[in-house]
PDB file of N, CA and C in Angstrom:
ATOM      1  N   MET A   1     141.749 156.000 121.444  1.00  0.00           N
ATOM      2  CA  MET A   1     142.395 156.567 122.611  1.00  0.00           C
ATOM      3  C   MET A   1     141.977 158.022 122.821  1.00  0.00           C
ATOM      4  N   LEU A   2     141.682 158.722 121.765  1.00  0.00           N
ATOM      5  CA  LEU A   2     141.335 160.129 121.910  1.00  0.00           C
ATOM      6  C   LEU A   2     139.989 160.316 122.603  1.00  0.00           C
ATOM      7  N   LEU A   3     139.087 159.336 122.475  1.00  0.00           N
ATOM      8  CA  LEU A   3     137.750 159.467 123.046  1.00  0.00           C
ATOM      9  C   LEU A   3     137.649 158.883 124.451  1.00  0.00           C
ATOM     10  N   ALA A   4     138.769 158.450 125.020  1.00  0.00           N
ATOM     11  CA  ALA A   4     138.733 157.814 126.339  1.00  0.00           C
ATOM     12  C   ALA A   4     138.126 158.740 127.388  1.00  0.00           C
ATOM     13  N   GLY A   5     138.423 160.014 127.346  1.00  0.00           N
ATOM     14  CA  GLY A   5     137.873 160.965 128.306  1.00  0.00           C
ATOM     15  C   GLY A   5     136.366 161.079 128.203  1.00  0.00           C
ATOM     16  N   GLU A   6     135.834 161.039 126.982  1.00  0.00           N
ATOM     17  CA  GLU A   6     134.393 161.118 126.791  1.00  0.00           C
ATOM     18  C   GLU A   6     133.702 159.865 127.304  1.00  0.00           C
ATOM     19  N   TRP A   7     134.322 158.710 127.106  1.00  0.00           N
ATOM     20  CA  TRP A   7     133.734 157.463 127.587  1.00  0.00           C
ATOM     21  C   TRP A   7     133.712 157.419 129.108  1.00  0.00           C
ATOM     22  N   VAL A   8     134.749 157.923 129.722  1.00  0.00           N
ATOM     23  CA  VAL A   8     134.802 157.926 131.183  1.00  0.00           C
ATOM     24  C   VAL A   8     133.713 158.820 131.757  1.00  0.00           C
ATOM     25  N   THR A   9     133.548 159.995 131.212  1.00  0.00           N
ATOM     26  CA  THR A   9     132.514 160.892 131.732  1.00  0.00           C
ATOM     27  C   THR A   9     131.118 160.347 131.446  1.00  0.00           C
ATOM     28  N   ALA A  10     130.929 159.733 130.281  1.00  0.00           N
ATOM     29  CA  ALA A  10     129.626 159.148 129.968  1.00  0.00           C
ATOM     30  C   ALA A  10     129.320 157.983 130.910  1.00  0.00           C
ATOM     31  N   TRP A  11     130.325 157.131 131.153  1.00  0.00           N
ATOM     32  CA  TRP A  11     130.136 156.000 132.065  1.00  0.00           C
ATOM     33  C   TRP A  11     129.815 156.505 133.470  1.00  0.00           C
ATOM     34  N   LEU A  12     130.515 157.533 133.915  1.00  0.00           N
ATOM     35  CA  LEU A  12     130.289 158.088 135.242  1.00  0.00           C
ATOM     36  C   LEU A  12     128.885 158.685 135.343  1.00  0.00           C
ATOM     37  N   ALA A  13     128.474 159.405 134.326  1.00  0.00           N
ATOM     38  CA  ALA A  13     127.145 160.019 134.331  1.00  0.00           C
ATOM     39  C   ALA A  13     126.054 158.948 134.353  1.00  0.00           C
ATOM     40  N   MET A  14     126.208 157.892 133.559  1.00  0.00           N
ATOM     41  CA  MET A  14     125.211 156.821 133.543  1.00  0.00           C
ATOM     42  C   MET A  14     125.207 156.062 134.859  1.00  0.00           C
ATOM     43  N   SER A  15     126.374 155.869 135.455  1.00  0.00           N
ATOM     44  CA  SER A  15     126.440 155.182 136.747  1.00  0.00           C
ATOM     45  C   SER A  15     125.711 155.983 137.813  1.00  0.00           C
ATOM     46  N   ILE A  16     125.914 157.283 137.823  1.00  0.00           N
ATOM     47  CA  ILE A  16     125.225 158.140 138.789  1.00  0.00           C
ATOM     48  C   ILE A  16     123.719 158.112 138.532  1.00  0.00           C
ATOM     49  N   THR A  17     123.329 158.140 137.256  1.00  0.00           N
ATOM     50  CA  THR A  17     121.910 158.107 136.911  1.00  0.00           C
ATOM     51  C   THR A  17     121.252 156.829 137.412  1.00  0.00           C
ATOM     52  N   PHE A  18     121.886 155.689 137.155  1.00  0.00           N
ATOM     53  CA  PHE A  18     121.322 154.420 137.605  1.00  0.00           C
ATOM     54  C   PHE A  18     121.332 154.309 139.124  1.00  0.00           C
ATOM     55  N   LEU A  19     122.339 154.853 139.780  1.00  0.00           N
ATOM     56  CA  LEU A  19     122.401 154.836 141.236  1.00  0.00           C
ATOM     57  C   LEU A  19     121.260 155.657 141.834  1.00  0.00           C
ATOM     58  N   VAL A  20     121.027 156.826 141.279  1.00  0.00           N
ATOM     59  CA  VAL A  20     119.920 157.663 141.759  1.00  0.00           C
ATOM     60  C   VAL A  20     118.587 156.957 141.530  1.00  0.00           C
ATOM     61  N   GLY A  21     118.428 156.337 140.366  1.00  0.00           N
ATOM     62  CA  GLY A  21     117.201 155.590 140.088  1.00  0.00           C
ATOM     63  C   GLY A  21     117.009 154.430 141.044  1.00  0.00           C
ATOM     64  N   LEU A  22     118.076 153.696 141.302  1.00  0.00           N
ATOM     65  CA  LEU A  22     118.009 152.560 142.220  1.00  0.00           C
ATOM     66  C   LEU A  22     117.652 153.018 143.630  1.00  0.00           C
ATOM     67  N   LEU A  23     118.264 154.090 144.080  1.00  0.00           N
ATOM     68  CA  LEU A  23     117.945 154.618 145.407  1.00  0.00           C
ATOM     69  C   LEU A  23     116.494 155.105 145.470  1.00  0.00           C
ATOM     70  N   GLY A  24     116.020 155.713 144.399  1.00  0.00           N
ATOM     71  CA  GLY A  24     114.635 156.180 144.358  1.00  0.00           C
ATOM     72  C   GLY A  24     113.642 155.037 144.422  1.00  0.00           C
ATOM     73  N   VAL A  25     113.885 153.991 143.651  1.00  0.00           N
ATOM     74  CA  VAL A  25     112.986 152.834 143.658  1.00  0.00           C
ATOM     75  C   VAL A  25     113.028 152.133 145.009  1.00  0.00           C
ATOM     76  N   THR A  26     114.217 152.000 145.572  1.00  0.00           N
ATOM     77  CA  THR A  26     114.354 151.359 146.878  1.00  0.00           C
ATOM     78  C   THR A  26     113.653 152.182 147.955  1.00  0.00           C
ATOM     79  N   GLY A  27     113.857 153.481 147.942  1.00  0.00           N
ATOM     80  CA  GLY A  27     113.203 154.347 148.919  1.00  0.00           C
ATOM     81  C   GLY A  27     111.698 154.336 148.785  1.00  0.00           C
ATOM     82  N   LEU A  28     111.206 154.367 147.565  1.00  0.00           N
ATOM     83  CA  LEU A  28     109.768 154.330 147.339  1.00  0.00           C
ATOM     84  C   LEU A  28     109.181 152.999 147.795  1.00  0.00           C
ATOM     85  N   GLY A  29     109.863 151.911 147.488  1.00  0.00           N
ATOM     86  CA  GLY A  29     109.407 150.588 147.926  1.00  0.00           C
ATOM     87  C   GLY A  29     109.366 150.485 149.434  1.00  0.00           C
ATOM     88  N   TRP A  30     110.405 150.989 150.099  1.00  0.00           N
ATOM     89  CA  TRP A  30     110.426 150.959 151.564  1.00  0.00           C
ATOM     90  C   TRP A  30     109.272 151.781 152.127  1.00  0.00           C
ATOM     91  N   TYR A  31     109.037 152.948 151.555  1.00  0.00           N
ATOM     92  CA  TYR A  31     107.964 153.820 152.033  1.00  0.00           C
ATOM     93  C   TYR A  31     106.600 153.147 151.884  1.00  0.00           C
ATOM     94  N   VAL A  32     106.367 152.526 150.736  1.00  0.00           N
ATOM     95  CA  VAL A  32     105.077 151.873 150.491  1.00  0.00           C
ATOM     96  C   VAL A  32     104.882 150.716 151.466  1.00  0.00           C
ATOM     97  N   LEU A  33     105.912 149.886 151.649  1.00  0.00           N
ATOM     98  CA  LEU A  33     105.786 148.758 152.570  1.00  0.00           C
ATOM     99  C   LEU A  33     105.629 149.231 154.009  1.00  0.00           C
ATOM    100  N   HIS A  34     106.323 150.301 154.369  1.00  0.00           N
ATOM    101  CA  HIS A  34     106.231 150.838 155.724  1.00  0.00           C
ATOM    102  C   HIS A  34     104.818 151.367 155.994  1.00  0.00           C
ATOM    103  N   GLU A  35     104.283 152.148 155.062  1.00  0.00           N
ATOM    104  CA  GLU A  35     102.933 152.678 155.223  1.00  0.00           C
ATOM    105  C   GLU A  35     101.900 151.557 155.215  1.00  0.00           C
ATOM    106  N   ASP A  36     102.129 150.507 154.417  1.00  0.00           N
ATOM    107  CA  ASP A  36     101.213 149.375 154.373  1.00  0.00           C
ATOM    108  C   ASP A  36     101.167 148.679 155.727  1.00  0.00           C
ATOM    109  N   SER A  37     102.330 148.515 156.355  1.00  0.00           N
ATOM    110  CA  SER A  37     102.352 147.857 157.672  1.00  0.00           C
ATOM    111  C   SER A  37     101.636 148.710 158.710  1.00  0.00           C
ATOM    112  N   ILE A  38     101.781 150.033 158.621  1.00  0.00           N
ATOM    113  CA  ILE A  38     101.067 150.924 159.548  1.00  0.00           C
ATOM    114  C   ILE A  38      99.562 150.818 159.319  1.00  0.00           C
ATOM    115  N   ASN A  39      99.136 150.795 158.043  1.00  0.00           N
ATOM    116  CA  ASN A  39      97.710 150.694 157.735  1.00  0.00           C
ATOM    117  C   ASN A  39      97.143 149.356 158.198  1.00  0.00           C
ATOM    118  N   ARG A  40      97.890 148.281 158.002  1.00  0.00           N
ATOM    119  CA  ARG A  40      97.414 146.959 158.436  1.00  0.00           C
ATOM    120  C   ARG A  40      97.302 146.906 159.962  1.00  0.00           C
ATOM    121  N   ALA A  41      98.252 147.512 160.665  1.00  0.00           N
ATOM    122  CA  ALA A  41      98.195 147.524 162.129  1.00  0.00           C
ATOM    123  C   ALA A  41      96.982 148.306 162.607  1.00  0.00           C
ATOM    124  N   SER A  42      96.677 149.426 161.971  1.00  0.00           N
ATOM    125  CA  SER A  42      95.515 150.211 162.389  1.00  0.00           C
ATOM    126  C   SER A  42      94.216 149.498 162.030  1.00  0.00           C
ATOM    127  N   GLU A  43      94.195 148.739 160.924  1.00  0.00           N
ATOM    128  CA  GLU A  43      93.006 147.963 160.577  1.00  0.00           C
ATOM    129  C   GLU A  43      92.769 146.860 161.608  1.00  0.00           C
ATOM    130  N   ASP A  44      93.837 146.191 162.047  1.00  0.00           N
ATOM    131  CA  ASP A  44      93.696 145.134 163.044  1.00  0.00           C
ATOM    132  C   ASP A  44      93.164 145.702 164.350  1.00  0.00           C
ATOM    133  N   THR A  45      93.633 146.869 164.733  1.00  0.00           N
ATOM    134  CA  THR A  45      93.170 147.511 165.953  1.00  0.00           C
ATOM    135  C   THR A  45      91.699 147.890 165.821  1.00  0.00           C
ATOM    136  N   GLY A  46      91.316 148.419 164.680  1.00  0.00           N
ATOM    137  CA  GLY A  46      89.926 148.809 164.443  1.00  0.00           C
ATOM    138  C   GLY A  46      88.995 147.615 164.457  1.00  0.00           C
ATOM    139  N   GLU A  47      89.403 146.487 163.892  1.00  0.00           N
ATOM    140  CA  GLU A  47      88.576 145.281 163.882  1.00  0.00           C
ATOM    141  C   GLU A  47      88.426 144.732 165.284  1.00  0.00           C
ATOM    142  N   ALA A  48      89.486 144.756 166.077  1.00  0.00           N
ATOM    143  CA  ALA A  48      89.427 144.246 167.442  1.00  0.00           C
ATOM    144  C   ALA A  48      88.472 145.091 168.284  1.00  0.00           C
ATOM    145  N   GLU A  49      88.514 146.406 168.107  1.00  0.00           N
ATOM    146  CA  GLU A  49      87.622 147.292 168.859  1.00  0.00           C
ATOM    147  C   GLU A  49      86.174 147.087 168.451  1.00  0.00           C
ATOM    148  N   SER A  50      85.917 146.875 167.152  1.00  0.00           N
ATOM    149  CA  SER A  50      84.539 146.699 166.693  1.00  0.00           C
ATOM    150  C   SER A  50      83.981 145.351 167.159  1.00  0.00           C
ATOM    151  N   GLN A  51      84.795 144.340 167.265  1.00  0.00           N
ATOM    152  CA  GLN A  51      84.331 143.043 167.749  1.00  0.00           C
ATOM    153  C   GLN A  51      84.026 143.083 169.244  1.00  0.00           C
ATOM    154  N   GLU A  52      84.832 143.794 170.009  1.00  0.00           N
ATOM    155  CA  GLU A  52      84.601 143.914 171.442  1.00  0.00           C
ATOM    156  C   GLU A  52      83.302 144.691 171.712  1.00  0.00           C
ATOM    157  N   GLY A  53      83.058 145.707 170.941  1.00  0.00           N
ATOM    158  CA  GLY A  53      81.867 146.531 171.142  1.00  0.00           C
ATOM    159  C   GLY A  53      80.597 145.819 170.707  1.00  0.00           C
ATOM    160  N   GLY A  54      80.700 144.873 169.788  1.00  0.00           N
ATOM    161  CA  GLY A  54      79.516 144.172 169.274  1.00  0.00           C
ATOM    162  C   GLY A  54      78.982 143.117 170.204  1.00  0.00           C
ATOM    163  N   HIS A  55      79.768 142.629 171.133  1.00  0.00           N
ATOM    164  CA  HIS A  55      79.315 141.549 172.021  1.00  0.00           C
ATOM    165  C   HIS A  55      78.573 142.090 173.154  1.00  0.00           C
TER     166      HIS A  55
END
């Protein structure tokens, strides 16, 4: 019972740590997928322009 305060603060600190990590991984994943979709869209546009110019 005497250590209950220490366990609560440790649990809270670890919860915040994992939450920050989860948000970081989620944000990084979203950024990578978002940039990938932009790159794929620009590649499709570039291929379409090169095919039109070649004919």
